[in-house]
Amino acid sequence: MKPQSITSLPPSPDDDRHRREVQYFVMMSIRVLCVLAIPFTHGWWILLPILGAVFLPYFAVVVANVKGGGSRAPEQPTLALPATPTDVPNHPIGDDPAAESDRS
């Protein structure tokens, strides 16, 4: 496993939650503006605030549920392990050299 530095760590849970809350608040504020703009728009332009008022809540929830820190590459634990174990003795099981010295 590669060592982590302070720049490679993901944001703290509090910072990540605050970022997502701010994004949700901004999108819901835009939705409120869309609802308030509906009576003042005419013609086919009325579709824009209606579509914003209808679809922005879905996108706001999806964006708010995405956790940060996804830009890092996933760690591969197999790369951190050696290809062959180094602490295993080279003799077969049952042939314990210490046991042979006890038998003699």
PDB file of N, CA and C in Angstrom:
ATOM      1  N   MET A   1       0.854  -1.165   0.000  1.00  0.00           N
ATOM      2  CA  MET A   1       0.000   0.000   0.000  1.00  0.00           C
ATOM      3  C   MET A   1       0.905   1.233   0.000  1.00  0.00           C
ATOM      4  N   LYS A   2       0.590   2.166  -0.859  1.00  0.00           N
ATOM      5  CA  LYS A   2       1.434   3.351  -0.924  1.00  0.00           C
ATOM      6  C   LYS A   2       1.117   4.268   0.259  1.00  0.00           C
ATOM      7  N   PRO A   3       2.109   4.956   0.771  1.00  0.00           N
ATOM      8  CA  PRO A   3       1.852   5.847   1.910  1.00  0.00           C
ATOM      9  C   PRO A   3       0.987   7.024   1.486  1.00  0.00           C
ATOM     10  N   GLN A   4       0.133   7.433   2.402  1.00  0.00           N
ATOM     11  CA  GLN A   4      -0.748   8.562   2.117  1.00  0.00           C
ATOM     12  C   GLN A   4      -0.098   9.852   2.593  1.00  0.00           C
ATOM     13  N   SER A   5      -0.233  10.863   1.768  1.00  0.00           N
ATOM     14  CA  SER A   5       0.232  12.177   2.178  1.00  0.00           C
ATOM     15  C   SER A   5      -0.994  13.031   2.465  1.00  0.00           C
ATOM     16  N   ILE A   6      -0.788  14.162   3.044  1.00  0.00           N
ATOM     17  CA  ILE A   6      -1.901  15.025   3.408  1.00  0.00           C
ATOM     18  C   ILE A   6      -2.639  15.514   2.168  1.00  0.00           C
ATOM     19  N   THR A   7      -1.963  15.576   1.030  1.00  0.00           N
ATOM     20  CA  THR A   7      -2.631  16.043  -0.189  1.00  0.00           C
ATOM     21  C   THR A   7      -3.407  14.934  -0.894  1.00  0.00           C
ATOM     22  N   SER A   8      -3.114  13.664  -0.573  1.00  0.00           N
ATOM     23  CA  SER A   8      -3.823  12.586  -1.238  1.00  0.00           C
ATOM     24  C   SER A   8      -5.013  12.079  -0.436  1.00  0.00           C
ATOM     25  N   LEU A   9      -5.204  12.572   0.768  1.00  0.00           N
ATOM     26  CA  LEU A   9      -6.329  12.130   1.587  1.00  0.00           C
ATOM     27  C   LEU A   9      -7.632  12.745   1.087  1.00  0.00           C
ATOM     28  N   PRO A  10      -8.738  12.020   1.211  1.00  0.00           N
ATOM     29  CA  PRO A  10     -10.026  12.591   0.818  1.00  0.00           C
ATOM     30  C   PRO A  10     -10.443  13.669   1.818  1.00  0.00           C
ATOM     31  N   PRO A  11     -11.402  14.527   1.452  1.00  0.00           N
ATOM     32  CA  PRO A  11     -11.848  15.542   2.398  1.00  0.00           C
ATOM     33  C   PRO A  11     -12.505  14.896   3.615  1.00  0.00           C
ATOM     34  N   SER A  12     -12.482  15.601   4.718  1.00  0.00           N
ATOM     35  CA  SER A  12     -13.089  15.073   5.938  1.00  0.00           C
ATOM     36  C   SER A  12     -14.596  14.918   5.724  1.00  0.00           C
ATOM     37  N   PRO A  13     -15.243  14.031   6.480  1.00  0.00           N
ATOM     38  CA  PRO A  13     -16.694  13.859   6.319  1.00  0.00           C
ATOM     39  C   PRO A  13     -17.485  15.152   6.548  1.00  0.00           C
ATOM     40  N   ASP A  14     -17.039  15.984   7.486  1.00  0.00           N
ATOM     41  CA  ASP A  14     -17.740  17.253   7.725  1.00  0.00           C
ATOM     42  C   ASP A  14     -17.622  18.191   6.528  1.00  0.00           C
ATOM     43  N   ASP A  15     -16.422  18.289   5.961  1.00  0.00           N
ATOM     44  CA  ASP A  15     -16.232  19.148   4.789  1.00  0.00           C
ATOM     45  C   ASP A  15     -17.019  18.636   3.592  1.00  0.00           C
ATOM     46  N   ASP A  16     -17.027  17.321   3.418  1.00  0.00           N
ATOM     47  CA  ASP A  16     -17.758  16.737   2.297  1.00  0.00           C
ATOM     48  C   ASP A  16     -19.261  16.964   2.452  1.00  0.00           C
ATOM     49  N   ARG A  17     -19.777  16.759   3.658  1.00  0.00           N
ATOM     50  CA  ARG A  17     -21.209  16.983   3.904  1.00  0.00           C
ATOM     51  C   ARG A  17     -21.569  18.447   3.697  1.00  0.00           C
ATOM     52  N   HIS A  18     -20.723  19.366   4.147  1.00  0.00           N
ATOM     53  CA  HIS A  18     -20.989  20.800   3.959  1.00  0.00           C
ATOM     54  C   HIS A  18     -21.015  21.157   2.472  1.00  0.00           C
ATOM     55  N   ARG A  19     -20.081  20.610   1.701  1.00  0.00           N
ATOM     56  CA  ARG A  19     -20.043  20.872   0.262  1.00  0.00           C
ATOM     57  C   ARG A  19     -21.326  20.387  -0.404  1.00  0.00           C
ATOM     58  N   ARG A  20     -21.784  19.190  -0.024  1.00  0.00           N
ATOM     59  CA  ARG A  20     -23.006  18.658  -0.624  1.00  0.00           C
ATOM     60  C   ARG A  20     -24.239  19.441  -0.195  1.00  0.00           C
ATOM     61  N   GLU A  21     -24.267  19.923   1.049  1.00  0.00           N
ATOM     62  CA  GLU A  21     -25.395  20.741   1.510  1.00  0.00           C
ATOM     63  C   GLU A  21     -25.457  22.066   0.753  1.00  0.00           C
ATOM     64  N   VAL A  22     -24.310  22.674   0.512  1.00  0.00           N
ATOM     65  CA  VAL A  22     -24.275  23.934  -0.233  1.00  0.00           C
ATOM     66  C   VAL A  22     -24.754  23.708  -1.670  1.00  0.00           C
ATOM     67  N   GLN A  23     -24.299  22.629  -2.312  1.00  0.00           N
ATOM     68  CA  GLN A  23     -24.745  22.332  -3.676  1.00  0.00           C
ATOM     69  C   GLN A  23     -26.258  22.103  -3.714  1.00  0.00           C
ATOM     70  N   TYR A  24     -26.796  21.393  -2.736  1.00  0.00           N
ATOM     71  CA  TYR A  24     -28.238  21.143  -2.689  1.00  0.00           C
ATOM     72  C   TYR A  24     -29.000  22.454  -2.493  1.00  0.00           C
ATOM     73  N   PHE A  25     -28.509  23.289  -1.597  1.00  0.00           N
ATOM     74  CA  PHE A  25     -29.166  24.568  -1.336  1.00  0.00           C
ATOM     75  C   PHE A  25     -29.185  25.448  -2.589  1.00  0.00           C
ATOM     76  N   VAL A  26     -28.086  25.492  -3.313  1.00  0.00           N
ATOM     77  CA  VAL A  26     -28.025  26.309  -4.535  1.00  0.00           C
ATOM     78  C   VAL A  26     -29.023  25.797  -5.567  1.00  0.00           C
ATOM     79  N   MET A  27     -29.071  24.481  -5.759  1.00  0.00           N
ATOM     80  CA  MET A  27     -29.999  23.933  -6.749  1.00  0.00           C
ATOM     81  C   MET A  27     -31.457  24.144  -6.342  1.00  0.00           C
ATOM     82  N   MET A  28     -31.756  24.032  -5.064  1.00  0.00           N
ATOM     83  CA  MET A  28     -33.133  24.268  -4.619  1.00  0.00           C
ATOM     84  C   MET A  28     -33.486  25.758  -4.708  1.00  0.00           C
ATOM     85  N   SER A  29     -32.515  26.632  -4.535  1.00  0.00           N
ATOM     86  CA  SER A  29     -32.764  28.069  -4.711  1.00  0.00           C
ATOM     87  C   SER A  29     -33.089  28.377  -6.173  1.00  0.00           C
ATOM     88  N   ILE A  30     -32.386  27.732  -7.086  1.00  0.00           N
ATOM     89  CA  ILE A  30     -32.688  27.909  -8.511  1.00  0.00           C
ATOM     90  C   ILE A  30     -34.095  27.397  -8.809  1.00  0.00           C
ATOM     91  N   ARG A  31     -34.486  26.303  -8.152  1.00  0.00           N
ATOM     92  CA  ARG A  31     -35.838  25.780  -8.351  1.00  0.00           C
ATOM     93  C   ARG A  31     -36.890  26.781  -7.880  1.00  0.00           C
ATOM     94  N   VAL A  32     -36.649  27.400  -6.734  1.00  0.00           N
ATOM     95  CA  VAL A  32     -37.596  28.404  -6.236  1.00  0.00           C
ATOM     96  C   VAL A  32     -37.707  29.557  -7.227  1.00  0.00           C
ATOM     97  N   LEU A  33     -36.582  29.969  -7.781  1.00  0.00           N
ATOM     98  CA  LEU A  33     -36.618  31.028  -8.789  1.00  0.00           C
ATOM     99  C   LEU A  33     -37.403  30.589 -10.021  1.00  0.00           C
ATOM    100  N   CYS A  34     -37.286  29.323 -10.399  1.00  0.00           N
ATOM    101  CA  CYS A  34     -38.058  28.809 -11.539  1.00  0.00           C
ATOM    102  C   CYS A  34     -39.552  28.853 -11.238  1.00  0.00           C
ATOM    103  N   VAL A  35     -39.933  28.451 -10.040  1.00  0.00           N
ATOM    104  CA  VAL A  35     -41.361  28.476  -9.672  1.00  0.00           C
ATOM    105  C   VAL A  35     -41.872  29.909  -9.671  1.00  0.00           C
ATOM    106  N   LEU A  36     -41.083  30.838  -9.150  1.00  0.00           N
ATOM    107  CA  LEU A  36     -41.509  32.243  -9.107  1.00  0.00           C
ATOM    108  C   LEU A  36     -41.544  32.871 -10.497  1.00  0.00           C
ATOM    109  N   ALA A  37     -40.767  32.354 -11.440  1.00  0.00           N
ATOM    110  CA  ALA A  37     -40.718  32.923 -12.787  1.00  0.00           C
ATOM    111  C   ALA A  37     -41.849  32.428 -13.679  1.00  0.00           C
ATOM    112  N   ILE A  38     -42.526  31.360 -13.297  1.00  0.00           N
ATOM    113  CA  ILE A  38     -43.577  30.783 -14.149  1.00  0.00           C
ATOM    114  C   ILE A  38     -44.676  31.797 -14.482  1.00  0.00           C
ATOM    115  N   PRO A  39     -45.219  32.550 -13.519  1.00  0.00           N
ATOM    116  CA  PRO A  39     -46.306  33.483 -13.878  1.00  0.00           C
ATOM    117  C   PRO A  39     -45.846  34.660 -14.752  1.00  0.00           C
ATOM    118  N   PHE A  40     -44.558  34.925 -14.779  1.00  0.00           N
ATOM    119  CA  PHE A  40     -44.061  36.096 -15.496  1.00  0.00           C
ATOM    120  C   PHE A  40     -43.520  35.768 -16.892  1.00  0.00           C
ATOM    121  N   THR A  41     -43.504  34.502 -17.275  1.00  0.00           N
ATOM    122  CA  THR A  41     -43.007  34.137 -18.598  1.00  0.00           C
ATOM    123  C   THR A  41     -44.185  33.828 -19.523  1.00  0.00           C
ATOM    124  N   HIS A  42     -43.993  34.097 -20.808  1.00  0.00           N
ATOM    125  CA  HIS A  42     -45.070  33.909 -21.783  1.00  0.00           C
ATOM    126  C   HIS A  42     -44.556  33.106 -22.974  1.00  0.00           C
ATOM    127  N   GLY A  43     -45.458  32.499 -23.675  1.00  0.00           N
ATOM    128  CA  GLY A  43     -45.101  31.750 -24.875  1.00  0.00           C
ATOM    129  C   GLY A  43     -44.438  30.431 -24.518  1.00  0.00           C
ATOM    130  N   TRP A  44     -43.652  29.962 -25.453  1.00  0.00           N
ATOM    131  CA  TRP A  44     -43.003  28.682 -25.217  1.00  0.00           C
ATOM    132  C   TRP A  44     -41.882  28.793 -24.182  1.00  0.00           C
ATOM    133  N   TRP A  45     -41.472  30.002 -23.814  1.00  0.00           N
ATOM    134  CA  TRP A  45     -40.429  30.199 -22.794  1.00  0.00           C
ATOM    135  C   TRP A  45     -40.872  29.685 -21.421  1.00  0.00           C
ATOM    136  N   ILE A  46     -42.174  29.546 -21.236  1.00  0.00           N
ATOM    137  CA  ILE A  46     -42.678  29.067 -19.944  1.00  0.00           C
ATOM    138  C   ILE A  46     -42.225  27.633 -19.663  1.00  0.00           C
ATOM    139  N   LEU A  47     -41.878  26.916 -20.735  1.00  0.00           N
ATOM    140  CA  LEU A  47     -41.412  25.537 -20.540  1.00  0.00           C
ATOM    141  C   LEU A  47     -40.105  25.470 -19.745  1.00  0.00           C
ATOM    142  N   LEU A  48     -39.250  26.460 -19.909  1.00  0.00           N
ATOM    143  CA  LEU A  48     -37.955  26.421 -19.206  1.00  0.00           C
ATOM    144  C   LEU A  48     -38.120  26.448 -17.681  1.00  0.00           C
ATOM    145  N   PRO A  49     -38.858  27.419 -17.122  1.00  0.00           N
ATOM    146  CA  PRO A  49     -38.999  27.371 -15.659  1.00  0.00           C
ATOM    147  C   PRO A  49     -39.820  26.172 -15.175  1.00  0.00           C
ATOM    148  N   ILE A  50     -40.779  25.704 -15.989  1.00  0.00           N
ATOM    149  CA  ILE A  50     -41.550  24.525 -15.580  1.00  0.00           C
ATOM    150  C   ILE A  50     -40.647  23.298 -15.525  1.00  0.00           C
ATOM    151  N   LEU A  51     -39.846  23.106 -16.554  1.00  0.00           N
ATOM    152  CA  LEU A  51     -38.929  21.967 -16.562  1.00  0.00           C
ATOM    153  C   LEU A  51     -37.907  22.065 -15.421  1.00  0.00           C
ATOM    154  N   GLY A  52     -37.428  23.285 -15.155  1.00  0.00           N
ATOM    155  CA  GLY A  52     -36.502  23.471 -14.037  1.00  0.00           C
ATOM    156  C   GLY A  52     -37.150  23.139 -12.706  1.00  0.00           C
ATOM    157  N   ALA A  53     -38.403  23.559 -12.528  1.00  0.00           N
ATOM    158  CA  ALA A  53     -39.101  23.292 -11.266  1.00  0.00           C
ATOM    159  C   ALA A  53     -39.404  21.815 -11.090  1.00  0.00           C
ATOM    160  N   VAL A  54     -39.603  21.113 -12.194  1.00  0.00           N
ATOM    161  CA  VAL A  54     -39.948  19.698 -12.098  1.00  0.00           C
ATOM    162  C   VAL A  54     -38.707  18.821 -11.941  1.00  0.00           C
ATOM    163  N   PHE A  55     -37.647  19.077 -12.711  1.00  0.00           N
ATOM    164  CA  PHE A  55     -36.505  18.173 -12.738  1.00  0.00           C
ATOM    165  C   PHE A  55     -35.360  18.546 -11.803  1.00  0.00           C
ATOM    166  N   LEU A  56     -35.277  19.777 -11.342  1.00  0.00           N
ATOM    167  CA  LEU A  56     -34.168  20.158 -10.452  1.00  0.00           C
ATOM    168  C   LEU A  56     -34.162  19.394  -9.129  1.00  0.00           C
ATOM    169  N   PRO A  57     -35.307  19.081  -8.526  1.00  0.00           N
ATOM    170  CA  PRO A  57     -35.227  18.300  -7.270  1.00  0.00           C
ATOM    171  C   PRO A  57     -34.539  16.947  -7.448  1.00  0.00           C
ATOM    172  N   TYR A  58     -34.821  16.278  -8.550  1.00  0.00           N
ATOM    173  CA  TYR A  58     -34.173  14.982  -8.797  1.00  0.00           C
ATOM    174  C   TYR A  58     -32.659  15.157  -8.897  1.00  0.00           C
ATOM    175  N   PHE A  59     -32.211  16.105  -9.699  1.00  0.00           N
ATOM    176  CA  PHE A  59     -30.773  16.313  -9.863  1.00  0.00           C
ATOM    177  C   PHE A  59     -30.131  16.798  -8.569  1.00  0.00           C
ATOM    178  N   ALA A  60     -30.853  17.594  -7.787  1.00  0.00           N
ATOM    179  CA  ALA A  60     -30.303  18.076  -6.520  1.00  0.00           C
ATOM    180  C   ALA A  60     -30.067  16.916  -5.560  1.00  0.00           C
ATOM    181  N   VAL A  61     -30.995  15.979  -5.509  1.00  0.00           N
ATOM    182  CA  VAL A  61     -30.826  14.827  -4.618  1.00  0.00           C
ATOM    183  C   VAL A  61     -29.693  13.931  -5.106  1.00  0.00           C
ATOM    184  N   VAL A  62     -29.610  13.719  -6.404  1.00  0.00           N
ATOM    185  CA  VAL A  62     -28.529  12.878  -6.938  1.00  0.00           C
ATOM    186  C   VAL A  62     -27.177  13.510  -6.643  1.00  0.00           C
ATOM    187  N   VAL A  63     -27.050  14.810  -6.878  1.00  0.00           N
ATOM    188  CA  VAL A  63     -25.775  15.491  -6.618  1.00  0.00           C
ATOM    189  C   VAL A  63     -25.461  15.495  -5.121  1.00  0.00           C
ATOM    190  N   ALA A  64     -26.483  15.667  -4.278  1.00  0.00           N
ATOM    191  CA  ALA A  64     -26.252  15.707  -2.835  1.00  0.00           C
ATOM    192  C   ALA A  64     -25.837  14.356  -2.282  1.00  0.00           C
ATOM    193  N   ASN A  65     -26.193  13.271  -2.949  1.00  0.00           N
ATOM    194  CA  ASN A  65     -25.846  11.947  -2.453  1.00  0.00           C
ATOM    195  C   ASN A  65     -24.509  11.435  -2.964  1.00  0.00           C
ATOM    196  N   VAL A  66     -23.865  12.166  -3.851  1.00  0.00           N
ATOM    197  CA  VAL A  66     -22.561  11.750  -4.367  1.00  0.00           C
ATOM    198  C   VAL A  66     -21.496  12.217  -3.385  1.00  0.00           C
ATOM    199  N   LYS A  67     -20.774  11.255  -2.837  1.00  0.00           N
ATOM    200  CA  LYS A  67     -19.726  11.605  -1.884  1.00  0.00           C
ATOM    201  C   LYS A  67     -18.491  12.063  -2.621  1.00  0.00           C
ATOM    202  N   GLY A  68     -17.753  12.948  -2.002  1.00  0.00           N
ATOM    203  CA  GLY A  68     -16.531  13.472  -2.613  1.00  0.00           C
ATOM    204  C   GLY A  68     -15.380  12.495  -2.483  1.00  0.00           C
ATOM    205  N   GLY A  69     -14.258  12.848  -3.039  1.00  0.00           N
ATOM    206  CA  GLY A  69     -13.062  12.022  -2.957  1.00  0.00           C
ATOM    207  C   GLY A  69     -13.012  10.935  -4.004  1.00  0.00           C
ATOM    208  N   GLY A  70     -13.897  10.973  -4.986  1.00  0.00           N
ATOM    209  CA  GLY A  70     -13.922   9.939  -6.001  1.00  0.00           C
ATOM    210  C   GLY A  70     -12.870  10.122  -7.070  1.00  0.00           C
ATOM    211  N   SER A  71     -12.105  11.193  -7.014  1.00  0.00           N
ATOM    212  CA  SER A  71     -11.121  11.444  -8.058  1.00  0.00           C
ATOM    213  C   SER A  71      -9.853  10.615  -7.869  1.00  0.00           C
ATOM    214  N   ARG A  72      -9.676  10.049  -6.675  1.00  0.00           N
ATOM    215  CA  ARG A  72      -8.489   9.227  -6.441  1.00  0.00           C
ATOM    216  C   ARG A  72      -8.646   7.883  -7.108  1.00  0.00           C
ATOM    217  N   ALA A  73      -7.535   7.331  -7.554  1.00  0.00           N
ATOM    218  CA  ALA A  73      -7.557   5.991  -8.145  1.00  0.00           C
ATOM    219  C   ALA A  73      -7.722   4.968  -7.021  1.00  0.00           C
ATOM    220  N   PRO A  74      -8.503   3.928  -7.234  1.00  0.00           N
ATOM    221  CA  PRO A  74      -8.665   2.923  -6.185  1.00  0.00           C
ATOM    222  C   PRO A  74      -7.359   2.177  -5.938  1.00  0.00           C
ATOM    223  N   GLU A  75      -7.146   1.828  -4.682  1.00  0.00           N
ATOM    224  CA  GLU A  75      -5.944   1.088  -4.342  1.00  0.00           C
ATOM    225  C   GLU A  75      -6.138  -0.369  -4.709  1.00  0.00           C
ATOM    226  N   GLN A  76      -5.074  -1.008  -5.132  1.00  0.00           N
ATOM    227  CA  GLN A  76      -5.124  -2.420  -5.469  1.00  0.00           C
ATOM    228  C   GLN A  76      -4.307  -3.180  -4.428  1.00  0.00           C
ATOM    229  N   PRO A  77      -4.974  -3.853  -3.504  1.00  0.00           N
ATOM    230  CA  PRO A  77      -4.228  -4.518  -2.432  1.00  0.00           C
ATOM    231  C   PRO A  77      -3.297  -5.610  -2.936  1.00  0.00           C
ATOM    232  N   THR A  78      -3.575  -6.181  -4.102  1.00  0.00           N
ATOM    233  CA  THR A  78      -2.692  -7.242  -4.599  1.00  0.00           C
ATOM    234  C   THR A  78      -1.319  -6.703  -4.950  1.00  0.00           C
ATOM    235  N   LEU A  79      -1.225  -5.427  -5.271  1.00  0.00           N
ATOM    236  CA  LEU A  79       0.079  -4.852  -5.579  1.00  0.00           C
ATOM    237  C   LEU A  79       0.910  -4.633  -4.323  1.00  0.00           C
ATOM    238  N   ALA A  80       0.268  -4.551  -3.166  1.00  0.00           N
ATOM    239  CA  ALA A  80       0.984  -4.320  -1.923  1.00  0.00           C
ATOM    240  C   ALA A  80       1.559  -5.614  -1.361  1.00  0.00           C
ATOM    241  N   LEU A  81       1.034  -6.775  -1.785  1.00  0.00           N
ATOM    242  CA  LEU A  81       1.505  -8.049  -1.266  1.00  0.00           C
ATOM    243  C   LEU A  81       2.601  -8.604  -2.161  1.00  0.00           C
ATOM    244  N   PRO A  82       3.558  -9.315  -1.567  1.00  0.00           N
ATOM    245  CA  PRO A  82       4.583  -9.943  -2.415  1.00  0.00           C
ATOM    246  C   PRO A  82       3.947 -11.075  -3.230  1.00  0.00           C
ATOM    247  N   ALA A  83       4.572 -11.397  -4.353  1.00  0.00           N
ATOM    248  CA  ALA A  83       4.040 -12.443  -5.228  1.00  0.00           C
ATOM    249  C   ALA A  83       4.094 -13.807  -4.557  1.00  0.00           C
ATOM    250  N   THR A  84       5.149 -14.080  -3.801  1.00  0.00           N
ATOM    251  CA  THR A  84       5.261 -15.342  -3.063  1.00  0.00           C
ATOM    252  C   THR A  84       5.578 -15.000  -1.614  1.00  0.00           C
ATOM    253  N   PRO A  85       5.024 -15.746  -0.700  1.00  0.00           N
ATOM    254  CA  PRO A  85       5.325 -15.468   0.714  1.00  0.00           C
ATOM    255  C   PRO A  85       6.790 -15.748   1.015  1.00  0.00           C
ATOM    256  N   THR A  86       7.399 -14.909   1.809  1.00  0.00           N
ATOM    257  CA  THR A  86       8.827 -15.059   2.114  1.00  0.00           C
ATOM    258  C   THR A  86       9.068 -15.703   3.469  1.00  0.00           C
ATOM    259  N   ASP A  87       8.074 -15.777   4.340  1.00  0.00           N
ATOM    260  CA  ASP A  87       8.289 -16.311   5.683  1.00  0.00           C
ATOM    261  C   ASP A  87       7.930 -17.789   5.804  1.00  0.00           C
ATOM    262  N   VAL A  88       7.602 -18.459   4.701  1.00  0.00           N
ATOM    263  CA  VAL A  88       7.261 -19.883   4.717  1.00  0.00           C
ATOM    264  C   VAL A  88       8.546 -20.684   4.528  1.00  0.00           C
ATOM    265  N   PRO A  89       8.774 -21.703   5.371  1.00  0.00           N
ATOM    266  CA  PRO A  89       9.991 -22.511   5.197  1.00  0.00           C
ATOM    267  C   PRO A  89       9.952 -23.276   3.886  1.00  0.00           C
ATOM    268  N   ASN A  90      11.123 -23.644   3.388  1.00  0.00           N
ATOM    269  CA  ASN A  90      11.240 -24.316   2.102  1.00  0.00           C
ATOM    270  C   ASN A  90      11.061 -25.834   2.185  1.00  0.00           C
ATOM    271  N   HIS A  91      10.693 -26.381   3.326  1.00  0.00           N
ATOM    272  CA  HIS A  91      10.514 -27.824   3.443  1.00  0.00           C
ATOM    273  C   HIS A  91       9.019 -28.140   3.513  1.00  0.00           C
ATOM    274  N   PRO A  92       8.652 -29.368   3.127  1.00  0.00           N
ATOM    275  CA  PRO A  92       7.234 -29.725   3.141  1.00  0.00           C
ATOM    276  C   PRO A  92       6.697 -29.813   4.560  1.00  0.00           C
ATOM    277  N   ILE A  93       5.384 -29.769   4.670  1.00  0.00           N
ATOM    278  CA  ILE A  93       4.741 -29.837   5.983  1.00  0.00           C
ATOM    279  C   ILE A  93       5.007 -31.217   6.579  1.00  0.00           C
ATOM    280  N   GLY A  94       5.317 -31.253   7.837  1.00  0.00           N
ATOM    281  CA  GLY A  94       5.594 -32.518   8.516  1.00  0.00           C
ATOM    282  C   GLY A  94       7.076 -32.792   8.635  1.00  0.00           C
ATOM    283  N   ASP A  95       7.895 -32.173   7.839  1.00  0.00           N
ATOM    284  CA  ASP A  95       9.338 -32.340   7.911  1.00  0.00           C
ATOM    285  C   ASP A  95       9.934 -31.164   8.659  1.00  0.00           C
ATOM    286  N   ASP A  96       9.714 -31.106   9.939  1.00  0.00           N
ATOM    287  CA  ASP A  96      10.202 -30.012  10.762  1.00  0.00           C
ATOM    288  C   ASP A  96      11.634 -30.320  11.195  1.00  0.00           C
ATOM    289  N   PRO A  97      12.604 -29.514  10.776  1.00  0.00           N
ATOM    290  CA  PRO A  97      14.010 -29.797  11.137  1.00  0.00           C
ATOM    291  C   PRO A  97      14.214 -29.777  12.646  1.00  0.00           C
ATOM    292  N   ALA A  98      13.471 -28.977  13.382  1.00  0.00           N
ATOM    293  CA  ALA A  98      13.639 -28.925  14.835  1.00  0.00           C
ATOM    294  C   ALA A  98      13.171 -30.227  15.453  1.00  0.00           C
ATOM    295  N   ALA A  99      12.147 -30.842  14.901  1.00  0.00           N
ATOM    296  CA  ALA A  99      11.635 -32.101  15.434  1.00  0.00           C
ATOM    297  C   ALA A  99      12.642 -33.223  15.181  1.00  0.00           C
ATOM    298  N   GLU A 100      13.361 -33.169  14.062  1.00  0.00           N
ATOM    299  CA  GLU A 100      14.349 -34.209  13.777  1.00  0.00           C
ATOM    300  C   GLU A 100      15.492 -34.158  14.776  1.00  0.00           C
ATOM    301  N   SER A 101      15.897 -32.984  15.201  1.00  0.00           N
ATOM    302  CA  SER A 101      16.995 -32.899  16.181  1.00  0.00           C
ATOM    303  C   SER A 101      16.543 -33.394  17.536  1.00  0.00           C
ATOM    304  N   ASP A 102      15.224 -33.299  17.835  1.00  0.00           N
ATOM    305  CA  ASP A 102      14.712 -33.797  19.098  1.00  0.00           C
ATOM    306  C   ASP A 102      14.661 -35.320  19.116  1.00  0.00           C
ATOM    307  N   ARG A 103      14.464 -35.945  17.938  1.00  0.00           N
ATOM    308  CA  ARG A 103      14.370 -37.390  17.841  1.00  0.00           C
ATOM    309  C   ARG A 103      15.727 -38.070  18.012  1.00  0.00           C
ATOM    310  N   SER A 104      16.821 -37.421  17.717  1.00  0.00           N
ATOM    311  CA  SER A 104      18.114 -38.085  17.765  1.00  0.00           C
ATOM    312  C   SER A 104      18.738 -38.077  19.136  1.00  0.00           C
TER     313      SER A 104
END
